[in-house]
């Protein structure tokens, strides 16, 4: 039996969740190109500038919720 074969789940068990491939930048929502992508914290961005923009937005949103 090959390791690449997928086994059917036994009765009473759920099938594993399918992970979707990220196709757009999280900062600006532009389509990602293979030659030019920036990978940080398990996510893809189109450039470093978009990554910084997204992290600042996340930090601002988190500080407002704490108030």
N, C-alpha and C. Protein backbone atom coordinates (compact mmCIF):
# COMPACT_ATOMS: atom_id res chain seq x y z
N UNK A 1 0.84 -1.17 0.00
CA UNK A 1 0.00 0.00 0.00
C UNK A 1 0.90 1.24 0.00
N UNK A 2 0.65 2.16 -0.90
CA UNK A 2 1.47 3.36 -1.01
C UNK A 2 1.04 4.39 0.04
N UNK A 3 1.98 5.22 0.47
CA UNK A 3 1.69 6.25 1.48
C UNK A 3 0.82 7.36 0.91
N UNK A 4 0.82 7.54 -0.40
CA UNK A 4 0.08 8.63 -1.00
C UNK A 4 -1.41 8.32 -1.14
N UNK A 5 -1.81 7.08 -0.98
CA UNK A 5 -3.22 6.73 -1.08
C UNK A 5 -3.96 7.26 0.14
N UNK A 6 -5.16 7.78 -0.10
CA UNK A 6 -5.96 8.27 0.99
C UNK A 6 -6.95 7.19 1.40
N UNK A 7 -7.05 6.96 2.68
CA UNK A 7 -7.98 5.97 3.20
C UNK A 7 -9.32 6.63 3.46
N UNK A 8 -10.39 5.89 3.22
CA UNK A 8 -11.72 6.38 3.53
C UNK A 8 -11.90 6.39 5.04
N UNK A 9 -12.57 7.42 5.59
CA UNK A 9 -12.77 7.45 7.04
C UNK A 9 -13.69 6.33 7.49
N UNK A 10 -13.42 5.79 8.66
CA UNK A 10 -14.25 4.73 9.22
C UNK A 10 -15.61 5.31 9.59
N UNK A 11 -16.56 4.43 9.80
CA UNK A 11 -17.89 4.89 10.16
C UNK A 11 -17.84 5.64 11.47
N UNK A 12 -18.58 6.74 11.54
CA UNK A 12 -18.60 7.55 12.75
C UNK A 12 -17.50 8.60 12.81
N UNK A 13 -16.59 8.64 11.83
CA UNK A 13 -15.52 9.63 11.81
C UNK A 13 -15.77 10.59 10.65
N UNK A 14 -15.37 11.83 10.86
CA UNK A 14 -15.53 12.83 9.81
C UNK A 14 -14.32 12.83 8.89
N UNK A 15 -14.52 13.23 7.64
CA UNK A 15 -13.42 13.35 6.69
C UNK A 15 -12.56 14.55 7.08
N UNK A 16 -11.25 14.52 6.85
CA UNK A 16 -10.39 15.66 7.20
C UNK A 16 -10.76 16.89 6.37
N UNK A 17 -10.62 18.07 6.96
CA UNK A 17 -10.95 19.32 6.29
C UNK A 17 -9.95 19.59 5.17
N UNK A 18 -10.44 20.10 4.06
CA UNK A 18 -9.60 20.44 2.91
C UNK A 18 -9.12 21.87 3.08
N UNK A 19 -7.80 22.09 2.99
CA UNK A 19 -7.22 23.42 3.13
C UNK A 19 -7.19 24.08 1.76
N UNK A 20 -7.80 25.27 1.67
CA UNK A 20 -7.83 25.99 0.41
C UNK A 20 -6.53 26.76 0.22
N UNK A 21 -6.08 26.85 -1.02
CA UNK A 21 -4.86 27.57 -1.35
C UNK A 21 -5.16 29.07 -1.39
N UNK A 22 -4.29 29.86 -0.77
CA UNK A 22 -4.46 31.30 -0.75
C UNK A 22 -4.11 31.87 -2.11
N UNK A 23 -5.00 32.65 -2.71
CA UNK A 23 -4.77 33.19 -4.05
C UNK A 23 -4.66 34.71 -4.07
N UNK A 24 -5.08 35.39 -2.99
CA UNK A 24 -5.03 36.85 -2.95
C UNK A 24 -4.22 37.33 -1.77
N UNK A 25 -3.65 38.51 -1.91
CA UNK A 25 -2.89 39.16 -0.85
C UNK A 25 -3.85 39.54 0.28
N UNK A 26 -3.43 39.36 1.53
CA UNK A 26 -4.28 39.71 2.66
C UNK A 26 -4.26 41.20 2.96
N UNK A 27 -3.29 41.92 2.43
CA UNK A 27 -3.20 43.36 2.65
C UNK A 27 -4.02 44.18 1.67
N UNK A 28 -3.94 43.82 0.39
CA UNK A 28 -4.61 44.63 -0.63
C UNK A 28 -5.60 43.83 -1.49
N UNK A 29 -5.67 42.53 -1.29
CA UNK A 29 -6.59 41.63 -1.98
C UNK A 29 -6.31 41.50 -3.48
N UNK A 30 -5.08 41.79 -3.90
CA UNK A 30 -4.69 41.58 -5.29
C UNK A 30 -4.34 40.12 -5.50
N UNK A 31 -4.50 39.59 -6.71
CA UNK A 31 -4.08 38.20 -6.96
C UNK A 31 -2.57 38.05 -6.78
N UNK A 32 -2.15 36.96 -6.15
CA UNK A 32 -0.74 36.71 -5.93
C UNK A 32 -0.09 36.13 -7.17
N UNK A 33 1.10 36.61 -7.47
CA UNK A 33 1.88 36.07 -8.57
C UNK A 33 2.98 35.21 -7.99
N UNK A 34 3.30 34.13 -8.68
CA UNK A 34 4.26 33.17 -8.15
C UNK A 34 5.66 33.79 -8.02
N UNK A 35 6.05 34.64 -8.94
CA UNK A 35 7.39 35.21 -8.92
C UNK A 35 7.57 36.27 -7.83
N UNK A 36 6.48 36.88 -7.44
CA UNK A 36 6.61 37.98 -6.50
C UNK A 36 5.60 37.80 -5.36
N UNK A 37 6.01 37.10 -4.33
CA UNK A 37 5.15 36.96 -3.17
C UNK A 37 6.00 37.03 -1.91
N UNK A 38 5.41 37.48 -0.83
CA UNK A 38 6.11 37.70 0.43
C UNK A 38 5.42 36.83 1.48
N UNK A 39 6.14 35.90 2.09
CA UNK A 39 5.57 34.94 3.03
C UNK A 39 5.99 35.28 4.45
N UNK A 40 5.01 35.55 5.31
CA UNK A 40 5.27 35.83 6.72
C UNK A 40 4.14 35.25 7.57
N UNK A 41 4.50 34.65 8.69
CA UNK A 41 3.55 34.13 9.67
C UNK A 41 2.54 33.16 9.07
N UNK A 42 2.97 32.36 8.10
CA UNK A 42 2.10 31.35 7.52
C UNK A 42 1.12 31.88 6.50
N UNK A 43 1.29 33.12 6.06
CA UNK A 43 0.38 33.73 5.10
C UNK A 43 1.18 34.41 4.00
N UNK A 44 0.56 34.59 2.83
CA UNK A 44 1.21 35.22 1.70
C UNK A 44 0.69 36.64 1.49
N UNK A 45 1.62 37.53 1.14
CA UNK A 45 1.31 38.92 0.80
C UNK A 45 2.02 39.22 -0.51
N UNK A 46 1.58 40.26 -1.24
CA UNK A 46 2.23 40.55 -2.52
C UNK A 46 3.58 41.23 -2.31
N UNK A 47 3.70 42.08 -1.30
CA UNK A 47 4.98 42.75 -1.02
C UNK A 47 5.15 42.94 0.48
N UNK A 48 6.33 43.37 0.87
CA UNK A 48 6.60 43.65 2.28
C UNK A 48 5.75 44.82 2.76
N UNK A 49 5.49 45.76 1.87
CA UNK A 49 4.67 46.92 2.22
C UNK A 49 3.25 46.50 2.61
N UNK A 50 2.68 45.54 1.89
CA UNK A 50 1.34 45.03 2.22
C UNK A 50 1.36 44.28 3.54
N UNK A 51 2.44 43.55 3.81
CA UNK A 51 2.56 42.83 5.08
C UNK A 51 2.59 43.81 6.25
N UNK A 52 3.37 44.89 6.13
CA UNK A 52 3.44 45.89 7.18
C UNK A 52 2.09 46.57 7.37
N UNK A 53 1.41 46.86 6.27
CA UNK A 53 0.10 47.49 6.32
C UNK A 53 -0.91 46.60 7.04
N UNK A 54 -0.88 45.30 6.75
CA UNK A 54 -1.80 44.36 7.38
C UNK A 54 -1.50 44.19 8.86
N UNK A 55 -0.22 44.17 9.25
CA UNK A 55 0.13 44.01 10.66
C UNK A 55 -0.25 45.25 11.46
N UNK A 56 -0.09 46.44 10.86
CA UNK A 56 -0.50 47.67 11.53
C UNK A 56 -2.01 47.71 11.72
N UNK A 57 -2.74 47.29 10.69
CA UNK A 57 -4.20 47.27 10.77
C UNK A 57 -4.66 46.30 11.85
N UNK A 58 -3.99 45.16 11.95
CA UNK A 58 -4.34 44.16 12.97
C UNK A 58 -4.04 44.71 14.37
N UNK A 59 -2.91 45.40 14.52
CA UNK A 59 -2.54 45.96 15.82
C UNK A 59 -3.52 47.06 16.24
N UNK A 60 -3.94 47.90 15.31
CA UNK A 60 -4.89 48.96 15.62
C UNK A 60 -6.24 48.37 16.00
N UNK A 61 -6.67 47.34 15.28
CA UNK A 61 -7.94 46.70 15.58
C UNK A 61 -7.93 46.01 16.93
N UNK A 62 -6.81 45.42 17.30
CA UNK A 62 -6.68 44.74 18.59
C UNK A 62 -6.68 45.71 19.75
N UNK A 63 -6.06 46.90 19.58
CA UNK A 63 -6.01 47.88 20.67
C UNK A 63 -7.36 48.53 20.89
N UNK A 64 -8.15 48.69 19.84
CA UNK A 64 -9.48 49.28 19.98
C UNK A 64 -10.44 48.32 20.69
N UNK A 65 -10.27 47.02 20.46
CA UNK A 65 -11.14 46.04 21.10
C UNK A 65 -10.85 45.94 22.59
N UNK A 66 -9.61 46.20 22.99
CA UNK A 66 -9.22 46.10 24.40
C UNK A 66 -9.82 47.22 25.22
N UNK A 67 -10.15 48.35 24.61
CA UNK A 67 -10.70 49.52 25.35
C UNK A 67 -12.12 49.29 25.78
